[in-house]
Amino acid sequence: MKWKDYLFGFRGRIGRARFLLYFAIAVPLYALLIVVFWIYALSIPGAYENGGPTPWPSDPLGILGAILFFLVLAATTLAGAAVTVKRLHDRDKAWWWLMVYVVAPDVLLSLAEILAQAEILNLSAALVIEFAALALATWGSVELTLLRGTPGDNRFGTDPLAAR
């Protein structure tokens, strides 16, 4: 599989090793992006002392840096989605399971926090919702990283372990 197809193609299947390879590269890259952002944000005198947000850069080099930052962030996120969809395909699951494993836990956590702060839910009910979010995220992690893909061909392509 070519790098372009591996990182940006949404068709086919990949095994656990290639899935984890992406994260071995992406997690340090995300960490580097966070460090770069904080270095920039803390280099602006008075930005945080006044409680305001980090301002958008106004000089050409800063603007170029911001554009590069967001391009790398977008490319890494898109690649993560593509790699995860192909890993789901290896488990014989459609792309929308990404919503169940990634988006739903975040939505549930946000919902529990909002409803608890508005005192619509008591703490126990909010904890039940948060536990459900944790359970979904944990199962998604198990599904994507620990369980073997469908042996042999499935509706999404040939077995990546058999193709070697």
N, C-alpha and C. Protein backbone atom coordinates (compact mmCIF):
# COMPACT_ATOMS: atom_id res chain seq x y z
N MET A 1 0.85 -1.18 0.00
CA MET A 1 0.00 0.00 0.00
C MET A 1 0.89 1.25 0.00
N LYS A 2 0.61 2.17 -0.90
CA LYS A 2 1.38 3.41 -0.99
C LYS A 2 1.04 4.31 0.20
N TRP A 3 1.97 5.21 0.55
CA TRP A 3 1.77 6.11 1.67
C TRP A 3 0.54 6.98 1.48
N LYS A 4 0.32 7.46 0.26
CA LYS A 4 -0.86 8.31 0.00
C LYS A 4 -2.14 7.54 0.28
N ASP A 5 -2.21 6.30 -0.18
CA ASP A 5 -3.39 5.47 0.06
C ASP A 5 -3.51 5.12 1.54
N TYR A 6 -2.38 4.85 2.18
CA TYR A 6 -2.37 4.49 3.60
C TYR A 6 -2.90 5.65 4.45
N LEU A 7 -2.45 6.86 4.15
CA LEU A 7 -2.80 7.98 5.00
C LEU A 7 -4.09 8.70 4.60
N PHE A 8 -4.43 8.70 3.32
CA PHE A 8 -5.56 9.52 2.90
C PHE A 8 -6.64 8.77 2.14
N GLY A 9 -6.46 7.48 1.91
CA GLY A 9 -7.49 6.70 1.25
C GLY A 9 -8.45 6.09 2.26
N PHE A 10 -9.73 6.09 1.93
CA PHE A 10 -10.74 5.57 2.84
C PHE A 10 -11.23 4.19 2.43
N ARG A 11 -10.61 3.58 1.44
CA ARG A 11 -11.02 2.25 0.98
C ARG A 11 -9.99 1.22 1.38
N GLY A 12 -10.44 0.00 1.55
CA GLY A 12 -9.54 -1.09 1.86
C GLY A 12 -9.46 -1.38 3.34
N ARG A 13 -8.45 -2.17 3.70
CA ARG A 13 -8.29 -2.64 5.07
C ARG A 13 -6.83 -2.49 5.50
N ILE A 14 -6.64 -2.26 6.78
CA ILE A 14 -5.30 -2.31 7.36
C ILE A 14 -5.37 -3.08 8.67
N GLY A 15 -4.28 -3.73 9.01
CA GLY A 15 -4.21 -4.49 10.25
C GLY A 15 -3.85 -3.61 11.44
N ARG A 16 -3.74 -4.26 12.60
CA ARG A 16 -3.45 -3.54 13.84
C ARG A 16 -2.09 -2.84 13.79
N ALA A 17 -1.09 -3.49 13.22
CA ALA A 17 0.26 -2.91 13.22
C ALA A 17 0.30 -1.59 12.46
N ARG A 18 -0.32 -1.54 11.30
CA ARG A 18 -0.33 -0.29 10.52
C ARG A 18 -1.20 0.77 11.20
N PHE A 19 -2.25 0.33 11.85
CA PHE A 19 -3.09 1.26 12.61
C PHE A 19 -2.28 1.90 13.73
N LEU A 20 -1.56 1.09 14.47
CA LEU A 20 -0.76 1.60 15.59
C LEU A 20 0.45 2.40 15.10
N LEU A 21 0.96 2.08 13.92
CA LEU A 21 2.07 2.85 13.33
C LEU A 21 1.64 4.30 13.12
N TYR A 22 0.42 4.49 12.63
CA TYR A 22 -0.07 5.85 12.44
C TYR A 22 -0.02 6.61 13.77
N PHE A 23 -0.51 6.00 14.83
CA PHE A 23 -0.56 6.68 16.12
C PHE A 23 0.83 6.89 16.72
N ALA A 24 1.76 6.00 16.41
CA ALA A 24 3.14 6.18 16.86
C ALA A 24 3.76 7.42 16.22
N ILE A 25 3.29 7.78 15.05
CA ILE A 25 3.78 8.98 14.37
C ILE A 25 2.92 10.19 14.72
N ALA A 26 1.61 10.02 14.77
CA ALA A 26 0.70 11.15 14.96
C ALA A 26 0.72 11.72 16.37
N VAL A 27 0.81 10.87 17.38
CA VAL A 27 0.76 11.38 18.76
C VAL A 27 1.95 12.31 19.05
N PRO A 28 3.19 11.94 18.71
CA PRO A 28 4.28 12.91 18.91
C PRO A 28 4.11 14.17 18.05
N LEU A 29 3.52 14.03 16.86
CA LEU A 29 3.29 15.19 16.01
C LEU A 29 2.27 16.13 16.66
N TYR A 30 1.18 15.57 17.20
CA TYR A 30 0.20 16.39 17.93
C TYR A 30 0.85 17.05 19.14
N ALA A 31 1.71 16.32 19.85
CA ALA A 31 2.40 16.89 21.01
C ALA A 31 3.29 18.06 20.57
N LEU A 32 3.97 17.90 19.46
CA LEU A 32 4.81 18.97 18.93
C LEU A 32 3.96 20.19 18.56
N LEU A 33 2.81 19.95 17.95
CA LEU A 33 1.92 21.07 17.60
C LEU A 33 1.45 21.81 18.85
N ILE A 34 1.16 21.07 19.92
CA ILE A 34 0.74 21.71 21.17
C ILE A 34 1.87 22.56 21.74
N VAL A 35 3.09 22.02 21.73
CA VAL A 35 4.24 22.77 22.24
C VAL A 35 4.46 24.03 21.41
N VAL A 36 4.37 23.91 20.09
CA VAL A 36 4.55 25.08 19.22
C VAL A 36 3.48 26.13 19.52
N PHE A 37 2.24 25.69 19.70
CA PHE A 37 1.16 26.63 20.01
C PHE A 37 1.43 27.34 21.33
N TRP A 38 1.81 26.59 22.35
CA TRP A 38 2.05 27.21 23.66
C TRP A 38 3.25 28.15 23.63
N ILE A 39 4.28 27.79 22.89
CA ILE A 39 5.42 28.71 22.77
C ILE A 39 4.97 30.01 22.12
N TYR A 40 4.17 29.89 21.06
CA TYR A 40 3.65 31.10 20.42
C TYR A 40 2.76 31.87 21.38
N ALA A 41 1.83 31.18 22.03
CA ALA A 41 0.86 31.86 22.90
C ALA A 41 1.55 32.55 24.07
N LEU A 42 2.55 31.92 24.64
CA LEU A 42 3.23 32.51 25.79
C LEU A 42 4.23 33.59 25.39
N SER A 43 4.53 33.68 24.09
CA SER A 43 5.47 34.71 23.63
C SER A 43 4.79 36.06 23.45
N ILE A 44 3.48 36.12 23.57
CA ILE A 44 2.75 37.38 23.39
C ILE A 44 2.53 38.02 24.76
N PRO A 45 3.20 39.13 25.01
CA PRO A 45 3.07 39.76 26.32
C PRO A 45 1.65 40.21 26.60
N GLY A 46 1.16 39.85 27.77
CA GLY A 46 -0.14 40.32 28.22
C GLY A 46 -1.34 39.55 27.71
N ALA A 47 -1.14 38.57 26.83
CA ALA A 47 -2.29 37.87 26.26
C ALA A 47 -3.06 37.10 27.33
N TYR A 48 -2.35 36.41 28.20
CA TYR A 48 -3.04 35.60 29.21
C TYR A 48 -3.25 36.35 30.51
N GLU A 49 -2.45 37.36 30.76
CA GLU A 49 -2.66 38.14 31.98
C GLU A 49 -4.00 38.87 31.94
N ASN A 50 -4.43 39.24 30.75
CA ASN A 50 -5.70 39.95 30.60
C ASN A 50 -6.88 39.00 30.43
N GLY A 51 -6.62 37.72 30.38
CA GLY A 51 -7.69 36.73 30.27
C GLY A 51 -8.25 36.56 28.87
N GLY A 52 -7.62 37.14 27.90
CA GLY A 52 -8.13 37.06 26.54
C GLY A 52 -7.60 35.85 25.80
N PRO A 53 -8.17 35.58 24.64
CA PRO A 53 -7.68 34.46 23.83
C PRO A 53 -6.36 34.81 23.16
N THR A 54 -5.68 33.80 22.67
CA THR A 54 -4.44 34.03 21.94
C THR A 54 -4.77 34.74 20.63
N PRO A 55 -4.15 35.90 20.39
CA PRO A 55 -4.49 36.64 19.16
C PRO A 55 -3.90 35.97 17.92
N TRP A 56 -4.58 36.20 16.81
CA TRP A 56 -4.10 35.72 15.52
C TRP A 56 -2.85 36.52 15.16
N PRO A 57 -1.81 35.88 14.62
CA PRO A 57 -0.59 36.63 14.28
C PRO A 57 -0.86 37.68 13.20
N SER A 58 -0.11 38.78 13.28
CA SER A 58 -0.32 39.86 12.32
C SER A 58 0.86 40.04 11.37
N ASP A 59 2.02 39.50 11.72
CA ASP A 59 3.17 39.64 10.82
C ASP A 59 3.17 38.49 9.80
N PRO A 60 3.79 38.66 8.64
CA PRO A 60 3.77 37.63 7.58
C PRO A 60 4.34 36.28 8.02
N LEU A 61 5.41 36.29 8.79
CA LEU A 61 5.98 35.03 9.25
C LEU A 61 5.03 34.32 10.21
N GLY A 62 4.39 35.07 11.08
CA GLY A 62 3.42 34.49 12.00
C GLY A 62 2.21 33.92 11.28
N ILE A 63 1.74 34.62 10.26
CA ILE A 63 0.60 34.15 9.48
C ILE A 63 0.97 32.87 8.75
N LEU A 64 2.17 32.85 8.15
CA LEU A 64 2.64 31.64 7.48
C LEU A 64 2.74 30.47 8.47
N GLY A 65 3.24 30.75 9.67
CA GLY A 65 3.33 29.72 10.70
C GLY A 65 1.96 29.19 11.11
N ALA A 66 0.99 30.10 11.25
CA ALA A 66 -0.36 29.69 11.62
C ALA A 66 -0.99 28.84 10.52
N ILE A 67 -0.80 29.25 9.28
CA ILE A 67 -1.34 28.46 8.16
C ILE A 67 -0.71 27.08 8.13
N LEU A 68 0.60 27.02 8.31
CA LEU A 68 1.30 25.73 8.35
C LEU A 68 0.81 24.87 9.51
N PHE A 69 0.62 25.50 10.67
CA PHE A 69 0.11 24.80 11.85
C PHE A 69 -1.23 24.14 11.54
N PHE A 70 -2.16 24.91 10.98
CA PHE A 70 -3.50 24.38 10.70
C PHE A 70 -3.50 23.37 9.56
N LEU A 71 -2.62 23.53 8.59
CA LEU A 71 -2.52 22.52 7.52
C LEU A 71 -2.02 21.18 8.07
N VAL A 72 -1.00 21.23 8.92
CA VAL A 72 -0.49 19.99 9.53
C VAL A 72 -1.56 19.36 10.42
N LEU A 73 -2.26 20.18 11.19
CA LEU A 73 -3.33 19.68 12.05
C LEU A 73 -4.44 19.03 11.22
N ALA A 74 -4.85 19.68 10.15
CA ALA A 74 -5.92 19.14 9.29
C ALA A 74 -5.47 17.86 8.59
N ALA A 75 -4.25 17.84 8.07
CA ALA A 75 -3.75 16.64 7.38
C ALA A 75 -3.63 15.46 8.35
N THR A 76 -3.15 15.72 9.54
CA THR A 76 -3.00 14.65 10.53
C THR A 76 -4.36 14.12 10.97
N THR A 77 -5.32 15.00 11.14
CA THR A 77 -6.67 14.58 11.53
C THR A 77 -7.35 13.79 10.41
N LEU A 78 -7.22 14.26 9.18
CA LEU A 78 -7.79 13.55 8.04
C LEU A 78 -7.15 12.17 7.90
N ALA A 79 -5.84 12.11 8.05
CA ALA A 79 -5.14 10.82 7.97
C ALA A 79 -5.61 9.89 9.08
N GLY A 80 -5.82 10.42 10.27
CA GLY A 80 -6.32 9.60 11.37
C GLY A 80 -7.70 9.03 11.08
N ALA A 81 -8.55 9.83 10.48
CA ALA A 81 -9.88 9.34 10.12
C ALA A 81 -9.77 8.24 9.06
N ALA A 82 -8.92 8.44 8.06
CA ALA A 82 -8.77 7.44 6.99
C ALA A 82 -8.21 6.13 7.53
N VAL A 83 -7.20 6.22 8.37
CA VAL A 83 -6.59 5.02 8.93
C VAL A 83 -7.60 4.29 9.82
N THR A 84 -8.36 5.03 10.60
CA THR A 84 -9.35 4.41 11.49
C THR A 84 -10.47 3.76 10.68
N VAL A 85 -10.92 4.39 9.62
CA VAL A 85 -11.96 3.79 8.78
C VAL A 85 -11.45 2.48 8.17
N LYS A 86 -10.21 2.47 7.69
CA LYS A 86 -9.67 1.23 7.11
C LYS A 86 -9.52 0.15 8.17
N ARG A 87 -9.18 0.54 9.40
CA ARG A 87 -9.10 -0.45 10.48
C ARG A 87 -10.49 -0.98 10.81
N LEU A 88 -11.50 -0.13 10.80
CA LEU A 88 -12.87 -0.59 10.99
C LEU A 88 -13.27 -1.55 9.87
N HIS A 89 -12.86 -1.24 8.65
CA HIS A 89 -13.13 -2.15 7.53
C HIS A 89 -12.50 -3.52 7.78
N ASP A 90 -11.32 -3.54 8.37
CA ASP A 90 -10.67 -4.82 8.67
C ASP A 90 -11.49 -5.62 9.68
N ARG A 91 -12.21 -4.93 10.55
CA ARG A 91 -13.09 -5.59 11.52
C ARG A 91 -14.48 -5.83 10.92
N ASP A 92 -14.65 -5.57 9.62
CA ASP A 92 -15.90 -5.73 8.88
C ASP A 92 -17.00 -4.80 9.41
N LYS A 93 -16.60 -3.58 9.72
CA LYS A 93 -17.54 -2.56 10.18
C LYS A 93 -17.47 -1.37 9.22
N ALA A 94 -18.60 -0.71 9.06
CA ALA A 94 -18.69 0.45 8.17
C ALA A 94 -18.07 1.68 8.84
N TRP A 95 -17.88 2.73 8.05
CA TRP A 95 -17.24 3.96 8.52
C TRP A 95 -17.98 4.61 9.68
N TRP A 96 -19.31 4.47 9.73
CA TRP A 96 -20.08 5.18 10.74
C TRP A 96 -19.80 4.69 12.16
N TRP A 97 -19.14 3.56 12.32
CA TRP A 97 -18.74 3.12 13.66
C TRP A 97 -17.73 4.09 14.26
N LEU A 98 -17.06 4.85 13.42
CA LEU A 98 -16.17 5.90 13.91
C LEU A 98 -16.96 6.89 14.76
N MET A 99 -18.18 7.18 14.37
CA MET A 99 -19.03 8.08 15.15
C MET A 99 -19.36 7.48 16.51
N VAL A 100 -19.60 6.18 16.56
CA VAL A 100 -19.94 5.51 17.82
C VAL A 100 -18.74 5.50 18.76
N TYR A 101 -17.56 5.22 18.23
CA TYR A 101 -16.38 5.06 19.07
C TYR A 101 -15.67 6.36 19.41
N VAL A 102 -15.81 7.37 18.56
CA VAL A 102 -15.06 8.61 18.76
C VAL A 102 -15.99 9.79 19.10
N VAL A 103 -17.01 10.01 18.30
CA VAL A 103 -17.86 11.19 18.47
C VAL A 103 -18.84 11.02 19.62
N ALA A 104 -19.49 9.87 19.72
CA ALA A 104 -20.50 9.66 20.76
C ALA A 104 -19.95 9.83 22.17
N PRO A 105 -18.77 9.28 22.50
CA PRO A 105 -18.27 9.51 23.87
C PRO A 105 -18.06 10.99 24.18
N ASP A 106 -17.56 11.74 23.21
CA ASP A 106 -17.35 13.17 23.43
C ASP A 106 -18.68 13.90 23.61
N VAL A 107 -19.66 13.54 22.81
CA VAL A 107 -20.99 14.16 22.93
C VAL A 107 -21.60 13.83 24.28
N LEU A 108 -21.48 12.57 24.71
CA LEU A 108 -22.04 12.17 26.00
C LEU A 108 -21.36 12.90 27.16
N LEU A 109 -20.04 13.03 27.11
CA LEU A 109 -19.33 13.76 28.17
C LEU A 109 -19.75 15.22 28.23
N SER A 110 -19.87 15.85 27.06
CA SER A 110 -20.31 17.25 27.01
C SER A 110 -21.74 17.39 27.53
N LEU A 111 -22.59 16.48 27.13
CA LEU A 111 -23.98 16.51 27.57
C LEU A 111 -24.08 16.36 29.08
N ALA A 112 -23.35 15.41 29.65
CA ALA A 112 -23.37 15.20 31.10
C ALA A 112 -22.90 16.46 31.83
N GLU A 113 -21.86 17.09 31.32
CA GLU A 113 -21.33 18.30 31.97
C GLU A 113 -22.33 19.44 31.89
N ILE A 114 -22.92 19.63 30.73
CA ILE A 114 -23.88 20.73 30.55
C ILE A 114 -25.10 20.53 31.43
N LEU A 115 -25.64 19.31 31.43
CA LEU A 115 -26.84 19.05 32.23
C LEU A 115 -26.56 19.10 33.73
N ALA A 116 -25.36 18.67 34.14
CA ALA A 116 -25.02 18.74 35.56
C ALA A 116 -24.82 20.19 36.01
N GLN A 117 -24.17 21.01 35.17
CA GLN A 117 -23.97 22.42 35.52
C GLN A 117 -25.29 23.19 35.56
N ALA A 118 -26.22 22.80 34.69
CA ALA A 118 -27.53 23.45 34.68
C ALA A 118 -28.44 22.87 35.77
N GLU A 119 -27.93 21.93 36.53
CA GLU A 119 -28.65 21.26 37.61
C GLU A 119 -29.91 20.55 37.11
N ILE A 120 -29.87 20.11 35.86
CA ILE A 120 -30.95 19.29 35.31
C ILE A 120 -30.76 17.85 35.75
N LEU A 121 -29.50 17.44 35.85
CA LEU A 121 -29.14 16.10 36.32
C LEU A 121 -28.44 16.21 37.66
N ASN A 122 -28.67 15.20 38.51
CA ASN A 122 -27.86 15.17 39.72
C ASN A 122 -26.53 14.50 39.41
N LEU A 123 -25.64 14.50 40.35
CA LEU A 123 -24.29 13.98 40.11
C LEU A 123 -24.31 12.51 39.73
N SER A 124 -25.17 11.73 40.33
CA SER A 124 -25.22 10.29 40.03
C SER A 124 -25.63 10.04 38.58
N ALA A 125 -26.62 10.75 38.10
CA ALA A 125 -27.06 10.57 36.72
C ALA A 125 -25.97 11.01 35.74
N ALA A 126 -25.28 12.10 36.06
CA ALA A 126 -24.19 12.56 35.21
C ALA A 126 -23.07 11.52 35.17
N LEU A 127 -22.80 10.90 36.31
CA LEU A 127 -21.76 9.86 36.35
C LEU A 127 -22.14 8.64 35.52
N VAL A 128 -23.41 8.31 35.47
CA VAL A 128 -23.86 7.18 34.63
C VAL A 128 -23.62 7.50 33.16
N ILE A 129 -23.93 8.72 32.75
CA ILE A 129 -23.69 9.12 31.36
C ILE A 129 -22.19 9.13 31.06
N GLU A 130 -21.40 9.63 32.00
CA GLU A 130 -19.95 9.65 31.80
C GLU A 130 -19.38 8.23 31.74
N PHE A 131 -19.93 7.32 32.53
CA PHE A 131 -19.49 5.93 32.48
C PHE A 131 -19.83 5.32 31.11
N ALA A 132 -21.01 5.63 30.58
CA ALA A 132 -21.38 5.13 29.25
C ALA A 132 -20.40 5.65 28.19
N ALA A 133 -20.00 6.91 28.31
CA ALA A 133 -19.03 7.47 27.37
C ALA A 133 -17.70 6.75 27.48
N LEU A 134 -17.27 6.50 28.70
CA LEU A 134 -16.01 5.79 28.92
C LEU A 134 -16.08 4.37 28.38
N ALA A 135 -17.22 3.71 28.58
CA ALA A 135 -17.38 2.34 28.08
C ALA A 135 -17.32 2.31 26.55
N LEU A 136 -17.97 3.25 25.88
CA LEU A 136 -17.92 3.31 24.41
C LEU A 136 -16.50 3.55 23.91
N ALA A 137 -15.80 4.50 24.53
CA ALA A 137 -14.44 4.80 24.10
C ALA A 137 -13.50 3.62 24.36
N THR A 138 -13.68 2.96 25.48
CA THR A 138 -12.85 1.80 25.81
C THR A 138 -13.10 0.67 24.84
N TRP A 139 -14.37 0.40 24.55
CA TRP A 139 -14.67 -0.67 23.60
C TRP A 139 -14.12 -0.33 22.21
N GLY A 140 -14.22 0.90 21.81
CA GLY A 140 -13.64 1.30 20.52
C GLY A 140 -12.14 1.08 20.49
N SER A 141 -11.46 1.39 21.58
CA SER A 141 -10.02 1.16 21.66
C SER A 141 -9.69 -0.32 21.58
N VAL A 142 -10.46 -1.13 22.27
CA VAL A 142 -10.24 -2.58 22.23
C VAL A 142 -10.49 -3.10 20.82
N GLU A 143 -11.58 -2.68 20.24
CA GLU A 143 -11.97 -3.12 18.90
C GLU A 143 -10.89 -2.79 17.86
N LEU A 144 -10.34 -1.58 17.96
CA LEU A 144 -9.40 -1.13 16.95
C LEU A 144 -7.96 -1.58 17.18
N THR A 145 -7.57 -1.79 18.43
CA THR A 145 -6.17 -2.08 18.70
C THR A 145 -5.88 -3.52 19.10
N LEU A 146 -6.83 -4.21 19.70
CA LEU A 146 -6.54 -5.53 20.24
C LEU A 146 -7.13 -6.69 19.45
N LEU A 147 -8.29 -6.48 18.85
CA LEU A 147 -8.96 -7.58 18.17
C LEU A 147 -8.47 -7.72 16.73
N ARG A 148 -8.29 -8.97 16.33
CA ARG A 148 -7.84 -9.26 14.97
C ARG A 148 -8.94 -8.92 13.98
N GLY A 149 -8.54 -8.59 12.77
CA GLY A 149 -9.50 -8.31 11.72
C GLY A 149 -10.19 -9.58 11.25
N THR A 150 -11.16 -9.41 10.38
CA THR A 150 -11.88 -10.54 9.81
C THR A 150 -10.92 -11.42 9.02
N PRO A 151 -10.83 -12.70 9.35
CA PRO A 151 -9.94 -13.58 8.56
C PRO A 151 -10.47 -13.72 7.13
N GLY A 152 -9.57 -13.67 6.18
CA GLY A 152 -9.96 -13.80 4.78
C GLY A 152 -10.58 -12.53 4.25
N ASP A 153 -11.12 -12.62 3.07
CA ASP A 153 -11.74 -11.46 2.43
C ASP A 153 -13.04 -11.10 3.13
N ASN A 154 -13.36 -9.81 3.15
CA ASN A 154 -14.68 -9.37 3.58
C ASN A 154 -15.18 -8.34 2.56
N ARG A 155 -16.29 -7.70 2.83
CA ARG A 155 -16.90 -6.79 1.86
C ARG A 155 -16.06 -5.56 1.57
N PHE A 156 -15.00 -5.32 2.37
CA PHE A 156 -14.16 -4.15 2.19
C PHE A 156 -12.83 -4.45 1.51
N GLY A 157 -12.53 -5.71 1.28
CA GLY A 157 -11.29 -6.05 0.59
C GLY A 157 -10.65 -7.31 1.11
N THR A 158 -9.43 -7.54 0.67
CA THR A 158 -8.69 -8.74 1.06
C THR A 158 -8.07 -8.57 2.43
N ASP A 159 -7.82 -9.69 3.07
CA ASP A 159 -7.19 -9.70 4.39
C ASP A 159 -5.79 -9.11 4.27
N PRO A 160 -5.49 -8.03 5.03
CA PRO A 160 -4.16 -7.43 4.92
C PRO A 160 -3.03 -8.37 5.39
N LEU A 161 -3.34 -9.31 6.27
CA LEU A 161 -2.32 -10.25 6.72
C LEU A 161 -2.06 -11.32 5.66
N ALA A 162 -3.08 -11.66 4.87
CA ALA A 162 -2.92 -12.65 3.81
C ALA A 162 -2.27 -12.03 2.58
N ALA A 163 -2.35 -10.71 2.44
CA ALA A 163 -1.81 -10.05 1.24
C ALA A 163 -0.30 -9.92 1.28
N ARG A 164 0.32 -10.25 2.38
CA ARG A 164 1.79 -10.10 2.49
C ARG A 164 2.45 -11.15 1.72
